[in-house]
Amino acid sequence: MEKDRLYGGIIFAISLIIAIAYLAAFFAPYLALPAWLSWLAIALPVFLFTMAVLVICMWIGWTMLTTPPPPPIEPLAQGEGKKPEG
């Protein structure tokens, strides 16, 4: 249990640092930072999201391409599958 709390604290701290760095980069022109940081703060998440969607689409396509088709379902013969009366 103590390990979970440690991991949670590490994840929180890293996320907080990244959020502060992202906000600083996003508002770079107003904070006297290089203007290209503002462009990067917008372009990098858009790039990563686009790549993530494309990788998921490629994975779905690869799975569909390499998975063999299921065996055909044979229709039930007359009288099969009915509940017995009585």
C-alpha atoms as a PDB file:
ATOM      1  CA  MET A   1       0.000   0.000   0.000  1.00  0.00           C
ATOM      2  CA  GLU A   2       2.864   2.354   0.814  1.00  0.00           C
ATOM      3  CA  LYS A   3       4.292   1.762  -2.670  1.00  0.00           C
ATOM      4  CA  ASP A   4       1.010   2.874  -4.240  1.00  0.00           C
ATOM      5  CA  ARG A   5       1.112   6.147  -2.334  1.00  0.00           C
ATOM      6  CA  LEU A   6       4.712   6.720  -3.431  1.00  0.00           C
ATOM      7  CA  TYR A   7       3.829   6.088  -7.074  1.00  0.00           C
ATOM      8  CA  GLY A   8       0.812   8.369  -6.733  1.00  0.00           C
ATOM      9  CA  GLY A   9       2.991  11.135  -5.314  1.00  0.00           C
ATOM     10  CA  ILE A  10       5.540  10.747  -8.100  1.00  0.00           C
ATOM     11  CA  ILE A  11       2.837  10.820 -10.784  1.00  0.00           C
ATOM     12  CA  PHE A  12       1.275  13.904  -9.176  1.00  0.00           C
ATOM     13  CA  ALA A  13       4.607  15.758  -8.936  1.00  0.00           C
ATOM     14  CA  ILE A  14       5.595  14.972 -12.524  1.00  0.00           C
ATOM     15  CA  SER A  15       2.154  15.968 -13.810  1.00  0.00           C
ATOM     16  CA  LEU A  16       2.299  19.238 -11.874  1.00  0.00           C
ATOM     17  CA  ILE A  17       5.753  20.074 -13.266  1.00  0.00           C
ATOM     18  CA  ILE A  18       4.629  19.280 -16.827  1.00  0.00           C
ATOM     19  CA  ALA A  19       1.459  21.360 -16.397  1.00  0.00           C
ATOM     20  CA  ILE A  20       3.437  24.365 -15.166  1.00  0.00           C
ATOM     21  CA  ALA A  21       5.969  23.995 -18.003  1.00  0.00           C
ATOM     22  CA  TYR A  22       3.127  23.685 -20.535  1.00  0.00           C
ATOM     23  CA  LEU A  23       1.402  26.801 -19.244  1.00  0.00           C
ATOM     24  CA  ALA A  24       4.673  28.723 -19.305  1.00  0.00           C
ATOM     25  CA  ALA A  25       5.337  27.587 -22.874  1.00  0.00           C
ATOM     26  CA  PHE A  26       1.757  28.335 -23.955  1.00  0.00           C
ATOM     27  CA  PHE A  27       1.960  31.897 -22.638  1.00  0.00           C
ATOM     28  CA  ALA A  28       5.626  32.336 -23.620  1.00  0.00           C
ATOM     29  CA  PRO A  29       5.226  35.610 -25.544  1.00  0.00           C
ATOM     30  CA  TYR A  30       3.621  37.223 -22.489  1.00  0.00           C
ATOM     31  CA  LEU A  31       6.307  35.919 -20.113  1.00  0.00           C
ATOM     32  CA  ALA A  32       9.303  37.211 -22.115  1.00  0.00           C
ATOM     33  CA  LEU A  33      10.181  33.684 -23.259  1.00  0.00           C
ATOM     34  CA  PRO A  34      10.977  32.722 -26.859  1.00  0.00           C
ATOM     35  CA  ALA A  35       7.852  32.874 -29.039  1.00  0.00           C
ATOM     36  CA  TRP A  36       8.542  29.482 -30.636  1.00  0.00           C
ATOM     37  CA  LEU A  37       7.700  27.868 -27.282  1.00  0.00           C
ATOM     38  CA  SER A  38       4.103  28.996 -27.695  1.00  0.00           C
ATOM     39  CA  TRP A  39       3.950  27.389 -31.128  1.00  0.00           C
ATOM     40  CA  LEU A  40       5.495  24.218 -29.730  1.00  0.00           C
ATOM     41  CA  ALA A  41       2.975  24.115 -26.859  1.00  0.00           C
ATOM     42  CA  ILE A  42       0.180  23.911 -29.426  1.00  0.00           C
ATOM     43  CA  ALA A  43       1.880  21.833 -32.123  1.00  0.00           C
ATOM     44  CA  LEU A  44       3.294  19.087 -29.897  1.00  0.00           C
ATOM     45  CA  PRO A  45       0.004  17.973 -28.269  1.00  0.00           C
ATOM     46  CA  VAL A  46      -1.769  18.095 -31.639  1.00  0.00           C
ATOM     47  CA  PHE A  47       1.004  15.999 -33.172  1.00  0.00           C
ATOM     48  CA  LEU A  48       0.943  13.467 -30.316  1.00  0.00           C
ATOM     49  CA  PHE A  49      -2.856  13.158 -30.401  1.00  0.00           C
ATOM     50  CA  THR A  50      -2.851  12.689 -34.174  1.00  0.00           C
ATOM     51  CA  MET A  51      -0.133  10.049 -33.968  1.00  0.00           C
ATOM     52  CA  ALA A  52      -1.966   8.238 -31.159  1.00  0.00           C
ATOM     53  CA  VAL A  53      -5.169   8.079 -33.219  1.00  0.00           C
ATOM     54  CA  LEU A  54      -3.275   6.866 -36.283  1.00  0.00           C
ATOM     55  CA  VAL A  55      -1.415   4.190 -34.306  1.00  0.00           C
ATOM     56  CA  ILE A  56      -4.717   2.940 -32.879  1.00  0.00           C
ATOM     57  CA  CYS A  57      -6.191   2.850 -36.397  1.00  0.00           C
ATOM     58  CA  MET A  58      -3.141   0.956 -37.676  1.00  0.00           C
ATOM     59  CA  TRP A  59      -3.444  -1.522 -34.791  1.00  0.00           C
ATOM     60  CA  ILE A  60      -7.123  -2.124 -35.570  1.00  0.00           C
ATOM     61  CA  GLY A  61      -6.315  -2.572 -39.261  1.00  0.00           C
ATOM     62  CA  TRP A  62      -3.452  -4.965 -38.523  1.00  0.00           C
ATOM     63  CA  THR A  63      -5.663  -6.991 -36.206  1.00  0.00           C
ATOM     64  CA  MET A  64      -8.395  -7.205 -38.840  1.00  0.00           C
ATOM     65  CA  LEU A  65      -5.829  -8.130 -41.489  1.00  0.00           C
ATOM     66  CA  THR A  66      -4.146 -10.908 -39.528  1.00  0.00           C
ATOM     67  CA  THR A  67      -7.111 -12.439 -37.684  1.00  0.00           C
ATOM     68  CA  PRO A  68      -8.574 -15.447 -39.476  1.00  0.00           C
ATOM     69  CA  PRO A  69     -12.288 -15.319 -40.196  1.00  0.00           C
ATOM     70  CA  PRO A  70     -14.548 -17.146 -37.765  1.00  0.00           C
ATOM     71  CA  PRO A  71     -15.972 -20.496 -38.822  1.00  0.00           C
ATOM     72  CA  PRO A  72     -19.345 -20.228 -40.539  1.00  0.00           C
ATOM     73  CA  ILE A  73     -22.410 -20.647 -38.396  1.00  0.00           C
ATOM     74  CA  GLU A  74     -24.461 -23.574 -39.607  1.00  0.00           C
ATOM     75  CA  PRO A  75     -28.218 -23.177 -39.454  1.00  0.00           C
ATOM     76  CA  LEU A  76     -30.061 -25.375 -36.977  1.00  0.00           C
ATOM     77  CA  ALA A  77     -31.798 -28.367 -38.461  1.00  0.00           C
ATOM     78  CA  GLN A  78     -35.568 -28.506 -38.275  1.00  0.00           C
ATOM     79  CA  GLY A  79     -36.572 -29.440 -34.759  1.00  0.00           C
ATOM     80  CA  GLU A  80     -33.201 -28.696 -33.123  1.00  0.00           C
ATOM     81  CA  GLY A  81     -33.035 -26.002 -30.534  1.00  0.00           C
ATOM     82  CA  LYS A  82     -36.679 -26.296 -29.556  1.00  0.00           C
ATOM     83  CA  LYS A  83     -37.598 -26.848 -25.949  1.00  0.00           C
ATOM     84  CA  PRO A  84     -39.037 -30.247 -25.263  1.00  0.00           C
ATOM     85  CA  GLU A  85     -42.716 -30.127 -24.418  1.00  0.00           C
ATOM     86  CA  GLY A  86     -44.016 -31.521 -21.204  1.00  0.00           C
END
